[in-house]
N, C-alpha and C. Protein backbone atom coordinates (compact mmCIF):
# COMPACT_ATOMS: atom_id res chain seq x y z
N UNK A 1 64.94 116.60 153.95
CA UNK A 1 64.45 117.90 155.27
C UNK A 1 64.13 118.51 153.96
N UNK A 2 64.69 119.11 152.92
CA UNK A 2 64.56 120.13 151.83
C UNK A 2 63.18 119.38 151.12
N UNK A 3 62.85 118.01 151.00
CA UNK A 3 61.78 117.88 150.58
C UNK A 3 60.31 117.77 150.86
N UNK A 4 60.45 117.91 152.47
CA UNK A 4 59.83 117.95 153.45
C UNK A 4 59.13 119.67 153.33
N UNK A 5 60.12 120.28 153.46
CA UNK A 5 59.75 121.54 153.61
C UNK A 5 59.22 122.35 152.26
N UNK A 6 59.65 121.72 151.13
CA UNK A 6 59.35 121.98 149.52
C UNK A 6 57.47 121.96 149.48
N UNK A 7 57.31 120.60 150.09
CA UNK A 7 55.85 120.16 150.33
C UNK A 7 55.06 120.83 151.03
N UNK A 8 55.46 121.34 152.33
CA UNK A 8 54.70 121.57 153.05
C UNK A 8 54.70 123.38 152.57
N UNK A 9 55.29 124.01 151.96
CA UNK A 9 55.56 125.54 151.16
C UNK A 9 54.48 125.28 150.13
N UNK A 10 53.97 124.31 149.14
CA UNK A 10 53.24 124.01 148.18
C UNK A 10 51.70 124.05 148.83
N UNK A 11 51.47 123.29 150.21
CA UNK A 11 50.30 123.03 150.89
C UNK A 11 49.87 124.23 151.65
N UNK A 12 51.00 124.99 151.97
CA UNK A 12 50.61 126.41 152.72
C UNK A 12 49.75 127.14 151.49
N UNK A 13 50.92 127.49 150.35
CA UNK A 13 50.42 128.23 149.07
C UNK A 13 49.31 127.97 148.76
N UNK A 14 48.95 126.66 148.78
CA UNK A 14 47.20 125.94 148.33
C UNK A 14 46.52 126.76 149.02
N UNK A 15 46.30 126.10 150.44
CA UNK A 15 45.76 126.60 151.73
C UNK A 15 45.65 128.09 151.67
N UNK A 16 46.77 128.88 151.51
CA UNK A 16 46.39 130.79 151.48
C UNK A 16 45.36 130.69 150.25
N UNK A 17 45.65 129.70 149.03
CA UNK A 17 44.96 130.23 147.94
C UNK A 17 43.71 130.03 147.77
N UNK A 18 43.32 128.81 148.61
CA UNK A 18 41.69 128.92 149.00
C UNK A 18 40.97 129.84 149.95
N UNK A 19 42.41 130.34 150.67
CA UNK A 19 41.40 130.95 151.95
C UNK A 19 41.19 132.49 151.10
N UNK A 20 42.02 133.17 150.28
CA UNK A 20 41.67 134.37 149.61
C UNK A 20 40.39 134.27 148.66
N UNK A 21 40.39 133.18 148.08
CA UNK A 21 39.38 132.68 146.82
C UNK A 21 38.34 133.09 148.19
N UNK A 22 37.95 132.02 148.76
CA UNK A 22 37.02 132.41 150.02
C UNK A 22 36.42 133.36 150.27
N UNK A 23 37.36 133.78 150.82
CA UNK A 23 37.60 135.51 151.26
C UNK A 23 36.91 136.55 150.37
N UNK A 24 37.25 136.60 149.00
CA UNK A 24 36.76 137.23 147.92
C UNK A 24 35.31 136.76 147.59
N UNK A 25 35.20 135.85 147.84
CA UNK A 25 33.41 135.27 147.23
C UNK A 25 32.64 136.07 148.71
N UNK A 26 33.14 135.71 149.53
CA UNK A 26 32.51 136.42 150.90
C UNK A 26 32.40 137.80 150.84
N UNK A 27 33.47 138.41 150.11
CA UNK A 27 33.48 139.92 150.10
C UNK A 27 32.25 140.26 148.71
N UNK A 28 32.13 139.59 148.32
CA UNK A 28 30.56 140.20 146.96
C UNK A 28 29.51 139.92 147.62
N UNK A 29 29.47 139.22 148.64
CA UNK A 29 28.07 138.88 149.39
C UNK A 29 28.05 139.89 150.20
N UNK A 30 26.48 140.52 150.02
CA UNK A 30 25.97 141.53 150.91
C UNK A 30 25.32 141.14 152.47
N UNK A 31 25.18 141.27 153.54
CA UNK A 31 24.45 141.52 154.57
C UNK A 31 23.11 141.69 154.16
N UNK A 32 23.00 143.21 153.48
CA UNK A 32 21.30 143.72 153.14
C UNK A 32 20.82 142.97 151.97
N UNK A 33 19.68 142.15 152.35
CA UNK A 33 18.96 141.62 151.09
C UNK A 33 18.95 142.74 149.99
N UNK A 34 19.23 142.48 148.61
CA UNK A 34 18.62 143.59 147.67
C UNK A 34 17.10 143.62 147.22
N UNK A 35 16.99 144.05 146.93
CA UNK A 35 15.09 144.88 146.63
C UNK A 35 14.75 143.92 145.57
N UNK A 36 13.82 143.33 145.68
CA UNK A 36 13.03 142.91 144.72
C UNK A 36 13.20 143.30 143.06
N UNK A 37 13.19 142.92 141.91
CA UNK A 37 12.83 143.76 140.65
C UNK A 37 11.69 144.16 140.81
N UNK A 38 11.60 145.36 140.06
CA UNK A 38 10.54 146.50 140.10
C UNK A 38 9.77 145.80 139.11
N UNK A 39 8.59 145.54 139.81
CA UNK A 39 7.35 144.97 138.54
C UNK A 39 6.75 145.92 137.96
N UNK A 40 6.48 146.28 136.78
CA UNK A 40 6.11 146.84 135.60
C UNK A 40 4.71 146.71 135.11
N UNK A 41 3.65 147.17 135.26
CA UNK A 41 2.13 146.68 135.07
C UNK A 41 1.89 148.19 133.88
N UNK A 42 1.42 147.29 132.21
CA UNK A 42 1.39 147.64 131.76
C UNK A 42 0.12 147.83 131.29
N UNK A 43 -0.61 148.65 131.09
CA UNK A 43 -2.00 149.06 131.28
C UNK A 43 -2.62 148.87 129.89
N UNK A 44 -3.77 148.01 129.56
CA UNK A 44 -3.73 147.94 128.17
C UNK A 44 -4.06 149.06 127.33
N UNK A 45 -3.41 148.93 125.98
CA UNK A 45 -3.76 150.51 125.11
C UNK A 45 -4.79 151.03 125.20
N UNK A 46 -5.05 152.19 125.32
CA UNK A 46 -6.11 152.89 125.15
C UNK A 46 -6.32 152.99 123.92
N UNK A 47 -7.56 152.05 123.02
CA UNK A 47 -8.12 152.28 122.29
C UNK A 47 -9.70 152.74 122.50
N UNK A 48 -10.42 153.61 121.55
CA UNK A 48 -11.74 153.73 121.42
C UNK A 48 -12.65 152.54 121.01
N UNK A 49 -13.38 152.45 121.79
CA UNK A 49 -14.22 151.28 121.92
C UNK A 49 -15.37 151.22 120.54
N UNK A 50 -15.26 150.63 119.44
CA UNK A 50 -16.25 151.03 118.78
C UNK A 50 -17.75 150.66 119.18
N UNK A 51 -18.58 151.11 118.74
CA UNK A 51 -19.85 151.02 118.87
C UNK A 51 -20.50 151.01 120.25
N UNK A 52 -19.65 151.67 121.03
CA UNK A 52 -20.14 151.96 122.56
C UNK A 52 -20.57 153.66 122.74
N UNK A 53 -21.76 154.18 123.48
CA UNK A 53 -21.99 155.08 123.22
C UNK A 53 -20.86 156.41 123.41
N UNK A 54 -21.40 157.42 123.32
CA UNK A 54 -20.58 158.87 123.73
C UNK A 54 -20.68 158.87 125.19
N UNK A 55 -19.86 159.66 125.91
CA UNK A 55 -20.00 159.88 127.02
C UNK A 55 -21.44 160.72 127.50
N UNK A 56 -22.18 161.23 126.57
CA UNK A 56 -23.38 161.77 127.04
C UNK A 56 -24.38 160.57 127.23
N UNK A 57 -25.71 161.18 128.00
CA UNK A 57 -26.38 160.07 128.68
C UNK A 57 -27.06 158.80 127.64
N UNK A 58 -27.01 157.66 128.17
CA UNK A 58 -27.34 157.14 126.81
C UNK A 58 -28.77 156.60 126.66
N UNK A 59 -29.30 156.23 125.69
CA UNK A 59 -30.83 156.54 125.31
C UNK A 59 -31.94 155.59 126.65
N UNK A 60 -32.43 156.70 126.91
CA UNK A 60 -33.94 156.22 127.99
C UNK A 60 -34.71 155.33 127.47
N UNK A 61 -34.78 155.01 125.54
CA UNK A 61 -35.76 154.15 125.72
C UNK A 61 -35.05 153.28 124.21
N UNK A 62 -35.72 152.24 124.20
CA UNK A 62 -34.85 151.49 122.79
C UNK A 62 -35.90 151.16 121.92
N UNK A 63 -35.48 151.48 120.44
CA UNK A 63 -36.23 150.55 119.48
C UNK A 63 -36.17 149.40 119.24
N UNK A 64 -35.09 148.70 119.66
CA UNK A 64 -35.13 147.32 119.07
C UNK A 64 -36.66 146.86 119.17
N UNK A 65 -36.64 145.55 118.54
CA UNK A 65 -37.79 144.97 118.26
C UNK A 65 -37.42 143.52 118.52
N UNK A 66 -36.43 143.15 118.35
CA UNK A 66 -36.07 141.81 119.37
C UNK A 66 -34.76 141.62 119.94
N UNK A 67 -34.92 140.58 121.03
CA UNK A 67 -33.94 140.55 121.94
C UNK A 67 -32.69 141.01 121.95
N UNK A 68 -32.02 140.40 120.45
CA UNK A 68 -31.11 140.40 119.79
C UNK A 68 -30.27 141.74 119.51
N UNK A 69 -31.48 142.42 118.87
CA UNK A 69 -30.99 143.84 118.71
C UNK A 69 -31.05 144.56 119.83
N UNK A 70 -32.26 144.32 121.06
CA UNK A 70 -31.77 145.28 122.14
C UNK A 70 -30.56 144.75 122.86
N UNK A 71 -29.92 143.94 123.01
CA UNK A 71 -28.56 143.65 124.04
C UNK A 71 -27.84 144.38 123.32
N UNK A 72 -27.56 145.07 122.16
CA UNK A 72 -26.66 146.24 122.04
C UNK A 72 -26.97 147.82 122.67
N UNK A 73 -28.22 147.64 123.01
CA UNK A 73 -28.33 149.01 123.78
C UNK A 73 -28.05 148.78 125.16
N UNK A 74 -28.15 147.38 125.32
CA UNK A 74 -28.01 147.06 126.55
C UNK A 74 -26.75 146.98 127.19
N UNK A 75 -26.09 146.27 126.18
CA UNK A 75 -24.37 146.11 126.08
C UNK A 75 -23.90 147.85 126.24
N UNK A 76 -24.28 149.29 125.32
CA UNK A 76 -23.60 150.38 125.57
C UNK A 76 -23.94 150.63 126.60
N UNK A 77 -25.06 150.64 127.10
CA UNK A 77 -25.43 150.97 128.67
C UNK A 77 -23.79 150.99 129.61
N UNK A 78 -24.01 149.46 129.36
CA UNK A 78 -23.32 148.73 130.35
C UNK A 78 -21.69 149.51 130.31
N UNK A 79 -20.98 149.69 128.99
CA UNK A 79 -20.09 150.07 128.44
C UNK A 79 -19.91 151.69 128.92
N UNK A 80 -21.09 152.58 129.04
CA UNK A 80 -21.23 154.06 129.83
C UNK A 80 -21.28 154.21 130.91
N UNK A 81 -21.35 152.96 131.60
CA UNK A 81 -21.31 153.12 132.91
C UNK A 81 -20.51 152.47 133.42
N UNK A 82 -19.13 151.67 132.92
CA UNK A 82 -18.28 151.03 133.29
C UNK A 82 -17.13 151.16 132.42
N UNK A 83 -16.92 152.40 131.87
CA UNK A 83 -15.87 152.96 131.35
C UNK A 83 -14.66 152.74 131.28
N UNK A 84 -14.05 152.53 132.98
CA UNK A 84 -12.75 152.82 133.66
C UNK A 84 -12.37 151.33 133.68
N UNK A 85 -13.66 150.33 133.33
CA UNK A 85 -13.40 148.86 133.54
C UNK A 85 -13.52 148.01 132.05
N UNK A 86 -13.37 148.54 130.99
CA UNK A 86 -13.73 148.26 129.97
C UNK A 86 -12.41 147.93 129.28
N UNK A 87 -12.23 146.43 128.98
CA UNK A 87 -10.61 146.14 128.62
C UNK A 87 -10.57 146.49 126.65
N UNK A 88 -9.46 147.86 126.50
CA UNK A 88 -9.58 148.20 125.25
C UNK A 88 -8.84 147.13 124.61
N UNK A 89 -8.81 146.95 122.98
CA UNK A 89 -8.21 146.25 121.93
C UNK A 89 -8.34 145.12 122.30
N UNK A 90 -7.88 144.15 121.22
CA UNK A 90 -8.57 142.60 121.16
C UNK A 90 -7.88 141.72 122.47
N UNK A 91 -8.49 141.16 123.15
CA UNK A 91 -8.11 140.30 124.26
C UNK A 91 -7.28 139.11 123.85
N UNK A 92 -6.45 139.03 125.31
CA UNK A 92 -5.73 137.54 124.50
C UNK A 92 -6.65 135.94 124.73
N UNK A 93 -5.88 135.27 123.94
CA UNK A 93 -6.69 134.17 123.48
C UNK A 93 -7.18 133.31 125.28
N UNK A 94 -6.61 133.27 126.55
CA UNK A 94 -6.63 132.80 127.60
C UNK A 94 -7.27 133.73 128.20
N UNK A 95 -8.53 133.91 128.76
CA UNK A 95 -9.32 134.68 129.27
C UNK A 95 -9.59 134.16 130.67
N UNK A 96 -9.73 135.23 132.11
CA UNK A 96 -9.70 134.36 133.39
C UNK A 96 -11.41 133.83 133.24
N UNK A 97 -11.89 134.15 132.72
CA UNK A 97 -13.26 133.67 132.92
C UNK A 97 -14.54 134.76 131.60
N UNK A 98 -15.24 133.00 131.40
CA UNK A 98 -16.11 133.60 130.39
C UNK A 98 -17.49 133.16 130.71
N UNK A 99 -18.85 133.86 130.59
CA UNK A 99 -19.92 133.50 131.07
C UNK A 99 -21.16 133.64 130.35
N UNK A 100 -21.95 133.46 130.35
CA UNK A 100 -23.00 133.71 129.70
C UNK A 100 -24.43 133.77 130.08
N UNK A 101 -24.98 135.16 130.23
CA UNK A 101 -25.94 135.89 131.42
C UNK A 101 -27.09 136.00 130.39
N UNK A 102 -28.71 135.74 130.97
CA UNK A 102 -29.46 135.82 130.55
C UNK A 102 -30.10 137.21 131.17
N UNK A 103 -30.72 138.20 130.88
CA UNK A 103 -30.93 139.11 131.80
C UNK A 103 -32.71 139.62 131.51
N UNK A 104 -33.47 139.47 131.98
CA UNK A 104 -34.76 139.86 132.22
C UNK A 104 -35.12 141.43 132.36
N UNK A 105 -36.05 142.23 131.57
CA UNK A 105 -35.75 143.30 131.89
C UNK A 105 -37.39 143.62 131.97
N UNK A 106 -38.21 144.88 132.51
CA UNK A 106 -39.70 145.19 132.58
C UNK A 106 -40.04 145.90 131.40
N UNK A 107 -40.68 146.77 131.49
CA UNK A 107 -41.20 147.69 130.53
C UNK A 107 -40.40 149.27 130.56
N UNK A 108 -39.81 149.35 131.89
CA UNK A 108 -39.15 150.56 132.41
C UNK A 108 -37.69 150.47 132.29
N UNK A 109 -37.49 149.09 132.17
CA UNK A 109 -35.87 148.62 132.01
C UNK A 109 -35.16 148.24 133.42
N UNK A 110 -36.13 148.18 134.32
CA UNK A 110 -35.79 147.96 135.52
C UNK A 110 -35.34 146.11 135.54
N UNK A 111 -34.47 145.58 135.87
CA UNK A 111 -34.13 144.38 135.94
C UNK A 111 -34.87 143.59 136.50
N UNK A 112 -35.42 142.44 136.44
CA UNK A 112 -36.26 141.52 137.12
C UNK A 112 -35.88 140.28 137.56
N UNK A 113 -34.87 139.85 136.43
CA UNK A 113 -34.19 138.69 136.83
C UNK A 113 -32.48 138.11 136.25
N UNK A 114 -32.11 137.63 137.14
CA UNK A 114 -30.79 137.31 136.32
C UNK A 114 -30.78 135.75 136.41
N UNK A 115 -30.06 135.32 135.12
CA UNK A 115 -29.99 133.88 135.48
C UNK A 115 -28.70 133.41 134.22
N UNK A 116 -27.65 132.43 134.91
CA UNK A 116 -26.82 132.20 134.09
C UNK A 116 -26.84 130.94 132.98
N UNK A 117 -26.70 130.82 131.63
CA UNK A 117 -26.71 130.15 130.76
C UNK A 117 -25.83 129.03 130.76
N UNK A 118 -24.15 129.78 131.08
CA UNK A 118 -22.82 128.96 131.21
C UNK A 118 -22.55 129.89 132.07
N UNK A 119 -22.41 129.82 133.28
CA UNK A 119 -21.71 129.97 134.54
C UNK A 119 -20.41 130.16 134.47
N UNK A 120 -19.54 131.16 135.07
CA UNK A 120 -17.97 130.83 134.90
C UNK A 120 -17.60 130.32 136.67
N UNK A 121 -17.90 129.02 136.86
CA UNK A 121 -18.15 128.48 138.21
C UNK A 121 -16.62 128.57 139.15
N UNK A 122 -15.69 128.73 137.92
CA UNK A 122 -14.10 128.23 138.60
C UNK A 122 -13.76 130.02 139.24
N UNK A 123 -14.56 130.64 138.85
CA UNK A 123 -14.37 132.00 139.66
C UNK A 123 -15.60 132.91 139.80
N UNK A 124 -15.95 132.11 141.23
CA UNK A 124 -17.33 132.95 141.86
C UNK A 124 -17.32 134.44 142.06
N UNK A 125 -15.84 134.89 142.47
CA UNK A 125 -15.74 135.83 142.63
C UNK A 125 -16.64 136.91 140.96
N UNK A 126 -15.97 136.53 139.67
CA UNK A 126 -16.27 137.42 138.50
C UNK A 126 -17.83 136.93 138.68
N UNK A 127 -18.76 136.01 138.95
CA UNK A 127 -20.32 135.93 138.71
C UNK A 127 -20.77 136.77 139.72
N UNK A 128 -19.90 136.87 140.87
CA UNK A 128 -20.85 137.98 141.47
C UNK A 128 -20.64 139.63 141.39
N UNK A 129 -19.55 139.39 140.47
CA UNK A 129 -19.22 141.03 139.93
C UNK A 129 -20.10 141.33 138.88
N UNK A 130 -20.18 140.34 137.77
CA UNK A 130 -21.21 140.68 136.87
C UNK A 130 -22.36 141.06 137.59
N UNK A 131 -22.87 139.71 138.29
CA UNK A 131 -24.25 140.45 138.48
C UNK A 131 -24.36 141.52 139.38
N UNK A 132 -23.80 142.10 140.11
CA UNK A 132 -23.72 143.30 140.76
C UNK A 132 -23.81 144.43 139.42
N UNK A 133 -22.50 144.41 138.71
CA UNK A 133 -22.69 145.54 137.62
C UNK A 133 -24.06 145.58 136.78
N UNK A 134 -24.81 144.28 136.55
CA UNK A 134 -25.93 144.37 135.67
C UNK A 134 -27.00 144.98 136.43
N UNK A 135 -26.99 144.68 137.98
CA UNK A 135 -28.05 145.66 139.04
C UNK A 135 -27.62 146.74 139.09
N UNK A 136 -26.59 147.37 138.62
CA UNK A 136 -26.00 148.56 139.03
C UNK A 136 -26.47 149.46 137.73
N UNK A 137 -26.08 148.82 136.90
CA UNK A 137 -26.36 149.92 135.44
C UNK A 137 -27.84 149.96 135.35
N UNK A 138 -28.66 149.80 135.83
CA UNK A 138 -30.15 149.28 135.61
C UNK A 138 -30.79 150.90 136.20
N UNK A 139 -31.52 151.49 135.68
CA UNK A 139 -32.42 151.04 134.57
C UNK A 139 -31.62 151.15 133.16
N UNK A 140 -32.07 150.53 132.44
CA UNK A 140 -32.15 150.11 131.14
C UNK A 140 -32.63 150.69 130.06
N UNK A 141 -32.71 150.88 128.64
CA UNK A 141 -33.42 151.66 128.01
C UNK A 141 -34.45 150.87 127.81
N UNK A 142 -35.91 151.16 127.92
CA UNK A 142 -36.83 150.69 128.41
C UNK A 142 -37.33 150.11 126.68
N UNK A 143 -37.55 149.12 127.06
CA UNK A 143 -37.78 147.65 125.93
C UNK A 143 -39.54 148.42 124.90
N UNK A 144 -39.85 149.65 124.75
CA UNK A 144 -41.09 149.73 124.25
C UNK A 144 -42.06 149.43 123.28
N UNK A 145 -41.06 148.86 122.34
CA UNK A 145 -41.32 148.30 121.04
C UNK A 145 -41.97 146.94 121.53
N UNK A 146 -41.46 146.02 122.77
CA UNK A 146 -41.54 144.92 123.06
C UNK A 146 -42.28 144.62 124.74
N UNK A 147 -42.57 145.68 125.21
CA UNK A 147 -42.84 145.51 126.74
C UNK A 147 -42.05 145.29 127.42
N UNK A 148 -40.98 144.33 127.75
CA UNK A 148 -40.35 143.44 128.43
C UNK A 148 -39.64 142.68 127.32
N UNK A 149 -38.27 142.45 128.40
CA UNK A 149 -37.38 141.57 127.02
C UNK A 149 -36.15 140.79 127.98
N UNK A 150 -36.14 139.61 127.54
CA UNK A 150 -34.94 138.85 127.73
C UNK A 150 -34.15 139.28 126.84
N UNK A 151 -32.72 139.10 127.17
CA UNK A 151 -31.56 139.61 126.34
C UNK A 151 -30.61 138.72 127.22
N UNK A 152 -29.72 137.78 125.59
CA UNK A 152 -28.44 137.30 126.70
C UNK A 152 -27.21 137.53 126.01
N UNK A 153 -26.19 137.59 126.64
CA UNK A 153 -24.88 138.08 126.78
C UNK A 153 -24.23 137.53 127.07
N UNK A 154 -22.51 137.27 126.42
CA UNK A 154 -21.34 136.70 126.81
C UNK A 154 -20.44 137.77 127.68
N UNK A 155 -20.08 137.53 128.68
CA UNK A 155 -19.08 138.47 129.45
C UNK A 155 -17.89 137.72 129.01
N UNK A 156 -16.78 138.50 128.43
CA UNK A 156 -15.51 138.06 128.69
C UNK A 156 -14.86 138.78 129.60
N UNK A 157 -14.10 138.02 130.62
CA UNK A 157 -13.31 138.52 131.31
C UNK A 157 -11.79 138.44 131.62
N UNK A 158 -11.04 139.52 131.40
CA UNK A 158 -9.45 138.87 131.78
C UNK A 158 -9.21 139.37 133.09
N UNK A 159 -8.20 139.00 133.45
CA UNK A 159 -7.41 138.70 134.86
C UNK A 159 -7.56 139.99 135.34
N UNK A 160 -7.17 141.07 134.88
CA UNK A 160 -7.01 142.46 135.75
C UNK A 160 -8.55 142.92 136.11
N UNK A 161 -9.56 142.35 135.68
CA UNK A 161 -10.60 142.48 136.33
C UNK A 161 -11.44 143.31 135.68
N UNK A 162 -10.81 143.79 134.29
CA UNK A 162 -11.20 144.42 132.76
C UNK A 162 -12.26 143.32 132.30
N UNK A 163 -13.21 143.98 131.46
CA UNK A 163 -13.98 142.82 130.58
C UNK A 163 -14.36 143.36 129.14
N UNK A 164 -14.78 142.83 128.39
CA UNK A 164 -15.69 143.40 127.20
C UNK A 164 -17.01 142.19 127.14
N UNK A 165 -17.81 143.18 126.27
CA UNK A 165 -19.32 142.12 126.10
C UNK A 165 -18.89 141.53 124.71
N UNK A 166 -19.46 140.17 124.41
CA UNK A 166 -19.60 140.01 123.11
C UNK A 166 -20.32 140.86 121.98
N UNK A 167 -21.05 141.53 122.30
CA UNK A 167 -21.71 142.27 121.44
C UNK A 167 -20.93 143.34 120.98
N UNK A 168 -20.04 144.04 121.96
CA UNK A 168 -19.43 145.27 121.34
C UNK A 168 -17.58 144.46 121.26
N UNK A 169 -17.82 143.23 121.72
CA UNK A 169 -16.03 142.84 121.55
C UNK A 169 -15.20 143.05 120.32
N UNK A 170 -13.98 143.56 120.71
CA UNK A 170 -13.17 144.00 119.78
C UNK A 170 -12.42 143.03 119.15
N UNK A 171 -12.77 141.76 119.71
CA UNK A 171 -12.49 139.87 119.61
C UNK A 171 -11.31 139.60 120.27
N UNK A 172 -10.21 138.98 119.74
CA UNK A 172 -9.56 138.17 120.56
C UNK A 172 -8.42 138.04 119.71
N UNK A 173 -7.03 137.52 120.11
CA UNK A 173 -6.38 137.06 119.42
C UNK A 173 -6.01 135.71 119.10
C-alpha cells in the first residue's frame, strides 16, 4: 500500500505542477487586446529641387526654340504649382508608376491635347491625376518663338502620391 501512496503522491504533485504552469501561462494573457505598434511615416527629406523656378510667378513667355527646350519651362511651371507634391531627393528604384505623356499647347500656352506615349495602365488613378495636374497647371508659358508646341515628358510617380518629371529629376537609386 505504501507503493500505491507513493505513486499517487507523485501523480498528484505532477498534476499540481501542470496546473500551476497553466495558471501562470493564463495569468500572462490579457483580456484586452494590445494596440497595434505605432506606424511611423517618415516623409522624404526636404531637399531643394534643382532647376525649379523660385516661388515667384513662373515666366508667362518661353523663349524656347525646340520642344525639348520648352519642356524645361513646362516642367518648372508644374513644379511651381505643385511644390507640395514633388518627391524630394533621389527616387527609389521601384516606382509605383512611370508614364510618358505628350502635351499639345497653343500659342498662348493653353492645353489643346494630351496623349499617352506610354501609359501606366496598371495605375489608372495615376493616369487621371497626371492629366488633371497637366490641365490645372495651364496656362503654360506662351511658346512665342514656335507659335505652338507639343512636348513630351516622363512622369515618375512614387507610391506616396508624390512625383518628379524626368526633365527635373534628381535621379534614382
